[in-house]
PDB file of N, CA and C in Angstrom:
ATOM      1  N   MET A   1     -12.088  29.216   6.128  1.00  0.00           N
ATOM      2  CA  MET A   1     -11.304  28.110   6.660  1.00  0.00           C
ATOM      3  C   MET A   1     -10.618  27.389   5.497  1.00  0.00           C
ATOM      4  N   ASN A   2      -9.324  27.190   5.590  1.00  0.00           N
ATOM      5  CA  ASN A   2      -8.569  26.485   4.558  1.00  0.00           C
ATOM      6  C   ASN A   2      -8.583  24.990   4.839  1.00  0.00           C
ATOM      7  N   LYS A   3      -8.967  24.217   3.826  1.00  0.00           N
ATOM      8  CA  LYS A   3      -8.913  22.767   3.948  1.00  0.00           C
ATOM      9  C   LYS A   3      -7.523  22.309   3.539  1.00  0.00           C
ATOM     10  N   LYS A   4      -7.062  21.245   4.171  1.00  0.00           N
ATOM     11  CA  LYS A   4      -5.737  20.726   3.875  1.00  0.00           C
ATOM     12  C   LYS A   4      -5.736  20.028   2.512  1.00  0.00           C
ATOM     13  N   LEU A   5      -4.741  20.360   1.704  1.00  0.00           N
ATOM     14  CA  LEU A   5      -4.613  19.731   0.396  1.00  0.00           C
ATOM     15  C   LEU A   5      -3.981  18.359   0.535  1.00  0.00           C
ATOM     16  N   LYS A   6      -4.467  17.417  -0.277  1.00  0.00           N
ATOM     17  CA  LYS A   6      -3.920  16.066  -0.324  1.00  0.00           C
ATOM     18  C   LYS A   6      -3.541  15.759  -1.774  1.00  0.00           C
ATOM     19  N   THR A   7      -2.708  14.767  -1.937  1.00  0.00           N
ATOM     20  CA  THR A   7      -2.320  14.334  -3.279  1.00  0.00           C
ATOM     21  C   THR A   7      -3.312  13.302  -3.774  1.00  0.00           C
ATOM     22  N   PHE A   8      -3.799  13.509  -4.998  1.00  0.00           N
ATOM     23  CA  PHE A   8      -4.682  12.556  -5.659  1.00  0.00           C
ATOM     24  C   PHE A   8      -4.042  12.135  -6.965  1.00  0.00           C
ATOM     25  N   TYR A   9      -4.228  10.872  -7.301  1.00  0.00           N
ATOM     26  CA  TYR A   9      -3.658  10.287  -8.515  1.00  0.00           C
ATOM     27  C   TYR A   9      -4.778  10.111  -9.535  1.00  0.00           C
ATOM     28  N   LEU A  10      -4.568  10.596 -10.745  1.00  0.00           N
ATOM     29  CA  LEU A  10      -5.550  10.473 -11.808  1.00  0.00           C
ATOM     30  C   LEU A  10      -4.944   9.670 -12.945  1.00  0.00           C
ATOM     31  N   SER A  11      -5.724   8.761 -13.510  1.00  0.00           N
ATOM     32  CA  SER A  11      -5.222   7.956 -14.615  1.00  0.00           C
ATOM     33  C   SER A  11      -6.354   7.625 -15.564  1.00  0.00           C
ATOM     34  N   GLY A  12      -5.979   7.433 -16.820  1.00  0.00           N
ATOM     35  CA  GLY A  12      -6.949   7.073 -17.837  1.00  0.00           C
ATOM     36  C   GLY A  12      -6.320   7.087 -19.211  1.00  0.00           C
ATOM     37  N   VAL A  13      -7.157   6.870 -20.208  1.00  0.00           N
ATOM     38  CA  VAL A  13      -6.705   6.849 -21.592  1.00  0.00           C
ATOM     39  C   VAL A  13      -6.846   8.255 -22.171  1.00  0.00           C
ATOM     40  N   ALA A  14      -5.790   8.696 -22.836  1.00  0.00           N
ATOM     41  CA  ALA A  14      -5.795  10.041 -23.408  1.00  0.00           C
ATOM     42  C   ALA A  14      -5.106  10.032 -24.764  1.00  0.00           C
ATOM     43  N   TRP A  15      -5.465  11.010 -25.579  1.00  0.00           N
ATOM     44  CA  TRP A  15      -4.758  11.247 -26.828  1.00  0.00           C
ATOM     45  C   TRP A  15      -3.449  11.937 -26.453  1.00  0.00           C
ATOM     46  N   ILE A  16      -2.329  11.342 -26.843  1.00  0.00           N
ATOM     47  CA  ILE A  16      -1.032  11.925 -26.545  1.00  0.00           C
ATOM     48  C   ILE A  16      -0.521  12.562 -27.840  1.00  0.00           C
ATOM     49  N   PRO A  17      -0.562  13.883 -27.917  1.00  0.00           N
ATOM     50  CA  PRO A  17      -0.203  14.552 -29.173  1.00  0.00           C
ATOM     51  C   PRO A  17       1.173  14.178 -29.707  1.00  0.00           C
ATOM     52  N   SER A  18       2.164  14.021 -28.840  1.00  0.00           N
ATOM     53  CA  SER A  18       3.512  13.701 -29.319  1.00  0.00           C
ATOM     54  C   SER A  18       3.588  12.296 -29.922  1.00  0.00           C
ATOM     55  N   TYR A  19       2.723  11.367 -29.463  1.00  0.00           N
ATOM     56  CA  TYR A  19       2.682  10.012 -30.019  1.00  0.00           C
ATOM     57  C   TYR A  19       1.754   9.934 -31.226  1.00  0.00           C
ATOM     58  N   ARG A  20       0.815  10.882 -31.292  1.00  0.00           N
ATOM     59  CA  ARG A  20      -0.271  10.856 -32.285  1.00  0.00           C
ATOM     60  C   ARG A  20      -1.075   9.569 -32.173  1.00  0.00           C
ATOM     61  N   ASP A  21      -1.333   9.201 -30.914  1.00  0.00           N
ATOM     62  CA  ASP A  21      -2.083   7.984 -30.631  1.00  0.00           C
ATOM     63  C   ASP A  21      -2.607   8.056 -29.198  1.00  0.00           C
ATOM     64  N   PHE A  22      -3.539   7.153 -28.879  1.00  0.00           N
ATOM     65  CA  PHE A  22      -4.024   7.049 -27.508  1.00  0.00           C
ATOM     66  C   PHE A  22      -3.053   6.218 -26.693  1.00  0.00           C
ATOM     67  N   ASP A  23      -2.919   6.561 -25.421  1.00  0.00           N
ATOM     68  CA  ASP A  23      -2.043   5.825 -24.524  1.00  0.00           C
ATOM     69  C   ASP A  23      -2.531   6.060 -23.106  1.00  0.00           C
ATOM     70  N   TRP A  24      -1.970   5.293 -22.181  1.00  0.00           N
ATOM     71  CA  TRP A  24      -2.299   5.456 -20.766  1.00  0.00           C
ATOM     72  C   TRP A  24      -1.651   6.740 -20.264  1.00  0.00           C
ATOM     73  N   TYR A  25      -2.395   7.536 -19.520  1.00  0.00           N
ATOM     74  CA  TYR A  25      -1.871   8.786 -18.979  1.00  0.00           C
ATOM     75  C   TYR A  25      -2.178   8.834 -17.493  1.00  0.00           C
ATOM     76  N   ASP A  26      -1.198   9.178 -16.678  1.00  0.00           N
ATOM     77  CA  ASP A  26      -1.450   9.355 -15.255  1.00  0.00           C
ATOM     78  C   ASP A  26      -0.678  10.563 -14.754  1.00  0.00           C
ATOM     79  N   THR A  27      -1.252  11.179 -13.729  1.00  0.00           N
ATOM     80  CA  THR A  27      -0.665  12.384 -13.152  1.00  0.00           C
ATOM     81  C   THR A  27      -1.153  12.535 -11.719  1.00  0.00           C
ATOM     82  N   THR A  28      -0.635  13.507 -11.032  1.00  0.00           N
ATOM     83  CA  THR A  28      -1.094  13.815  -9.678  1.00  0.00           C
ATOM     84  C   THR A  28      -1.550  15.264  -9.619  1.00  0.00           C
ATOM     85  N   VAL A  29      -2.470  15.533  -8.700  1.00  0.00           N
ATOM     86  CA  VAL A  29      -2.906  16.901  -8.416  1.00  0.00           C
ATOM     87  C   VAL A  29      -3.055  17.053  -6.911  1.00  0.00           C
ATOM     88  N   GLU A  30      -2.943  18.271  -6.454  1.00  0.00           N
ATOM     89  CA  GLU A  30      -3.181  18.594  -5.045  1.00  0.00           C
ATOM     90  C   GLU A  30      -4.586  19.163  -4.944  1.00  0.00           C
ATOM     91  N   ALA A  31      -5.418  18.560  -4.085  1.00  0.00           N
ATOM     92  CA  ALA A  31      -6.810  18.993  -3.951  1.00  0.00           C
ATOM     93  C   ALA A  31      -7.329  18.633  -2.568  1.00  0.00           C
ATOM     94  N   THR A  32      -8.550  19.069  -2.282  1.00  0.00           N
ATOM     95  CA  THR A  32      -9.146  18.814  -0.969  1.00  0.00           C
ATOM     96  C   THR A  32     -10.005  17.561  -0.936  1.00  0.00           C
ATOM     97  N   SER A  33     -10.467  17.074  -2.109  1.00  0.00           N
ATOM     98  CA  SER A  33     -11.313  15.889  -2.193  1.00  0.00           C
ATOM     99  C   SER A  33     -11.193  15.300  -3.595  1.00  0.00           C
ATOM    100  N   LYS A  34     -11.772  14.113  -3.783  1.00  0.00           N
ATOM    101  CA  LYS A  34     -11.745  13.504  -5.113  1.00  0.00           C
ATOM    102  C   LYS A  34     -12.470  14.382  -6.131  1.00  0.00           C
ATOM    103  N   GLU A  35     -13.607  14.938  -5.722  1.00  0.00           N
ATOM    104  CA  GLU A  35     -14.368  15.805  -6.617  1.00  0.00           C
ATOM    105  C   GLU A  35     -13.559  17.044  -6.987  1.00  0.00           C
ATOM    106  N   ASN A  36     -12.903  17.618  -5.989  1.00  0.00           N
ATOM    107  CA  ASN A  36     -12.067  18.790  -6.230  1.00  0.00           C
ATOM    108  C   ASN A  36     -10.863  18.430  -7.093  1.00  0.00           C
ATOM    109  N   ALA A  37     -10.323  17.207  -6.926  1.00  0.00           N
ATOM    110  CA  ALA A  37      -9.184  16.766  -7.737  1.00  0.00           C
ATOM    111  C   ALA A  37      -9.559  16.746  -9.218  1.00  0.00           C
ATOM    112  N   LEU A  38     -10.760  16.284  -9.526  1.00  0.00           N
ATOM    113  CA  LEU A  38     -11.210  16.269 -10.914  1.00  0.00           C
ATOM    114  C   LEU A  38     -11.375  17.693 -11.440  1.00  0.00           C
ATOM    115  N   GLU A  39     -11.888  18.586 -10.604  1.00  0.00           N
ATOM    116  CA  GLU A  39     -12.015  19.992 -10.998  1.00  0.00           C
ATOM    117  C   GLU A  39     -10.645  20.611 -11.272  1.00  0.00           C
ATOM    118  N   VAL A  40      -9.688  20.330 -10.396  1.00  0.00           N
ATOM    119  CA  VAL A  40      -8.330  20.857 -10.573  1.00  0.00           C
ATOM    120  C   VAL A  40      -7.727  20.300 -11.861  1.00  0.00           C
ATOM    121  N   PHE A  41      -7.886  18.998 -12.082  1.00  0.00           N
ATOM    122  CA  PHE A  41      -7.342  18.387 -13.297  1.00  0.00           C
ATOM    123  C   PHE A  41      -7.983  18.986 -14.547  1.00  0.00           C
ATOM    124  N   ASN A  42      -9.282  19.243 -14.496  1.00  0.00           N
ATOM    125  CA  ASN A  42      -9.975  19.790 -15.661  1.00  0.00           C
ATOM    126  C   ASN A  42      -9.474  21.171 -16.061  1.00  0.00           C
ATOM    127  N   GLU A  43      -8.713  21.818 -15.194  1.00  0.00           N
ATOM    128  CA  GLU A  43      -8.116  23.115 -15.510  1.00  0.00           C
ATOM    129  C   GLU A  43      -6.754  22.969 -16.202  1.00  0.00           C
ATOM    130  N   THR A  44      -6.244  21.738 -16.306  1.00  0.00           N
ATOM    131  CA  THR A  44      -4.940  21.519 -16.935  1.00  0.00           C
ATOM    132  C   THR A  44      -5.097  21.364 -18.448  1.00  0.00           C
ATOM    133  N   SER A  45      -4.005  21.510 -19.150  1.00  0.00           N
ATOM    134  CA  SER A  45      -4.054  21.399 -20.614  1.00  0.00           C
ATOM    135  C   SER A  45      -4.326  19.966 -21.081  1.00  0.00           C
ATOM    136  N   MET A  46      -3.967  18.957 -20.296  1.00  0.00           N
ATOM    137  CA  MET A  46      -4.174  17.565 -20.708  1.00  0.00           C
ATOM    138  C   MET A  46      -5.624  17.119 -20.583  1.00  0.00           C
ATOM    139  N   ALA A  47      -6.426  17.805 -19.818  1.00  0.00           N
ATOM    140  CA  ALA A  47      -7.811  17.390 -19.588  1.00  0.00           C
ATOM    141  C   ALA A  47      -8.588  17.239 -20.886  1.00  0.00           C
ATOM    142  N   LYS A  48      -8.335  18.101 -21.841  1.00  0.00           N
ATOM    143  CA  LYS A  48      -9.097  18.060 -23.101  1.00  0.00           C
ATOM    144  C   LYS A  48      -8.729  16.850 -23.954  1.00  0.00           C
ATOM    145  N   PHE A  49      -7.616  16.176 -23.647  1.00  0.00           N
ATOM    146  CA  PHE A  49      -7.189  15.021 -24.426  1.00  0.00           C
ATOM    147  C   PHE A  49      -7.666  13.689 -23.853  1.00  0.00           C
ATOM    148  N   MET A  50      -8.313  13.710 -22.684  1.00  0.00           N
ATOM    149  CA  MET A  50      -8.785  12.472 -22.067  1.00  0.00           C
ATOM    150  C   MET A  50      -9.948  11.903 -22.864  1.00  0.00           C
ATOM    151  N   LYS A  51      -9.915  10.589 -23.105  1.00  0.00           N
ATOM    152  CA  LYS A  51     -11.004   9.945 -23.839  1.00  0.00           C
ATOM    153  C   LYS A  51     -12.245   9.834 -22.959  1.00  0.00           C
ATOM    154  N   TYR A  52     -12.051   9.544 -21.673  1.00  0.00           N
ATOM    155  CA  TYR A  52     -13.127   9.449 -20.673  1.00  0.00           C
ATOM    156  C   TYR A  52     -12.662  10.192 -19.433  1.00  0.00           C
ATOM    157  N   ASP A  53     -13.571  10.363 -18.473  1.00  0.00           N
ATOM    158  CA  ASP A  53     -13.160  10.945 -17.194  1.00  0.00           C
ATOM    159  C   ASP A  53     -12.098  10.053 -16.569  1.00  0.00           C
ATOM    160  N   PRO A  54     -11.047  10.634 -16.030  1.00  0.00           N
ATOM    161  CA  PRO A  54      -9.998   9.811 -15.422  1.00  0.00           C
ATOM    162  C   PRO A  54     -10.448   9.195 -14.102  1.00  0.00           C
ATOM    163  N   CYS A  55      -9.793   8.122 -13.736  1.00  0.00           N
ATOM    164  CA  CYS A  55      -9.998   7.503 -12.435  1.00  0.00           C
ATOM    165  C   CYS A  55      -9.249   8.354 -11.409  1.00  0.00           C
ATOM    166  N   VAL A  56      -9.917   8.699 -10.323  1.00  0.00           N
ATOM    167  CA  VAL A  56      -9.303   9.517  -9.277  1.00  0.00           C
ATOM    168  C   VAL A  56      -9.129   8.642  -8.041  1.00  0.00           C
ATOM    169  N   GLN A  57      -7.889   8.567  -7.544  1.00  0.00           N
ATOM    170  CA  GLN A  57      -7.599   7.735  -6.383  1.00  0.00           C
ATOM    171  C   GLN A  57      -6.788   8.507  -5.352  1.00  0.00           C
ATOM    172  N   THR A  58      -7.011   8.142  -4.089  1.00  0.00           N
ATOM    173  CA  THR A  58      -6.183   8.691  -3.019  1.00  0.00           C
ATOM    174  C   THR A  58      -4.828   7.997  -3.075  1.00  0.00           C
ATOM    175  N   LYS A  59      -3.883   8.508  -2.329  1.00  0.00           N
ATOM    176  CA  LYS A  59      -2.556   7.892  -2.291  1.00  0.00           C
ATOM    177  C   LYS A  59      -2.648   6.448  -1.814  1.00  0.00           C
ATOM    178  N   LYS A  60      -3.442   6.189  -0.785  1.00  0.00           N
ATOM    179  CA  LYS A  60      -3.600   4.832  -0.258  1.00  0.00           C
ATOM    180  C   LYS A  60      -4.202   3.908  -1.312  1.00  0.00           C
ATOM    181  N   GLU A  61      -5.239   4.357  -2.006  1.00  0.00           N
ATOM    182  CA  GLU A  61      -5.855   3.540  -3.053  1.00  0.00           C
ATOM    183  C   GLU A  61      -4.853   3.238  -4.174  1.00  0.00           C
ATOM    184  N   TRP A  62      -4.046   4.228  -4.535  1.00  0.00           N
ATOM    185  CA  TRP A  62      -3.047   4.067  -5.593  1.00  0.00           C
ATOM    186  C   TRP A  62      -1.998   3.024  -5.187  1.00  0.00           C
ATOM    187  N   ILE A  63      -1.498   3.133  -3.958  1.00  0.00           N
ATOM    188  CA  ILE A  63      -0.491   2.188  -3.458  1.00  0.00           C
ATOM    189  C   ILE A  63      -1.076   0.782  -3.369  1.00  0.00           C
ATOM    190  N   ASP A  64      -2.298   0.665  -2.835  1.00  0.00           N
ATOM    191  CA  ASP A  64      -2.945  -0.646  -2.722  1.00  0.00           C
ATOM    192  C   ASP A  64      -3.140  -1.296  -4.089  1.00  0.00           C
ATOM    193  N   MET A  65      -3.509  -0.500  -5.091  1.00  0.00           N
ATOM    194  CA  MET A  65      -3.694  -1.020  -6.445  1.00  0.00           C
ATOM    195  C   MET A  65      -2.380  -1.604  -6.964  1.00  0.00           C
ATOM    196  N   HIS A  66      -1.291  -0.882  -6.769  1.00  0.00           N
ATOM    197  CA  HIS A  66       0.007  -1.359  -7.251  1.00  0.00           C
ATOM    198  C   HIS A  66       0.473  -2.598  -6.486  1.00  0.00           C
ATOM    199  N   LYS A  67       0.150  -2.700  -5.217  1.00  0.00           N
ATOM    200  CA  LYS A  67       0.483  -3.912  -4.464  1.00  0.00           C
ATOM    201  C   LYS A  67      -0.260  -5.110  -5.044  1.00  0.00           C
ATOM    202  N   ARG A  68      -1.562  -4.935  -5.345  1.00  0.00           N
ATOM    203  CA  ARG A  68      -2.345  -6.026  -5.935  1.00  0.00           C
ATOM    204  C   ARG A  68      -1.787  -6.408  -7.306  1.00  0.00           C
ATOM    205  N   MET A  69      -1.404  -5.423  -8.091  1.00  0.00           N
ATOM    206  CA  MET A  69      -0.833  -5.701  -9.420  1.00  0.00           C
ATOM    207  C   MET A  69       0.476  -6.474  -9.286  1.00  0.00           C
ATOM    208  N   ASP A  70       1.309  -6.090  -8.322  1.00  0.00           N
ATOM    209  CA  ASP A  70       2.574  -6.796  -8.103  1.00  0.00           C
ATOM    210  C   ASP A  70       2.336  -8.247  -7.673  1.00  0.00           C
ATOM    211  N   GLU A  71       1.317  -8.459  -6.821  1.00  0.00           N
ATOM    212  CA  GLU A  71       1.004  -9.816  -6.382  1.00  0.00           C
ATOM    213  C   GLU A  71       0.595 -10.692  -7.560  1.00  0.00           C
ATOM    214  N   ILE A  72      -0.154 -10.132  -8.477  1.00  0.00           N
ATOM    215  CA  ILE A  72      -0.587 -10.893  -9.657  1.00  0.00           C
ATOM    216  C   ILE A  72       0.589 -11.120 -10.597  1.00  0.00           C
ATOM    217  N   THR A  73       1.369 -10.091 -10.816  1.00  0.00           N
ATOM    218  CA  THR A  73       2.484 -10.155 -11.764  1.00  0.00           C
ATOM    219  C   THR A  73       3.579 -11.086 -11.287  1.00  0.00           C
ATOM    220  N   TYR A  74       3.897 -11.042 -10.016  1.00  0.00           N
ATOM    221  CA  TYR A  74       5.032 -11.791  -9.497  1.00  0.00           C
ATOM    222  C   TYR A  74       4.625 -13.042  -8.716  1.00  0.00           C
ATOM    223  N   ALA A  75       3.377 -13.484  -8.877  1.00  0.00           N
ATOM    224  CA  ALA A  75       2.904 -14.665  -8.147  1.00  0.00           C
ATOM    225  C   ALA A  75       3.463 -15.931  -8.736  1.00  0.00           C
TER     226      ALA A  75
END
């Protein structure tokens, strides 16, 4: 049985080789769950540059976070 893939957003601090410094890094992956999203991300070339495990969020969680940030920023 094939599970439906969803978009997950991953973010965290990573070593960015082109900057030669740490910076915020975020990306998306298609996966079946948050756990699977981390597994999928760990297969990418950027995974080895992460300082810590990235934060994994659903699309709704990602949008809600940005709404809260906008409320604080533009209040």
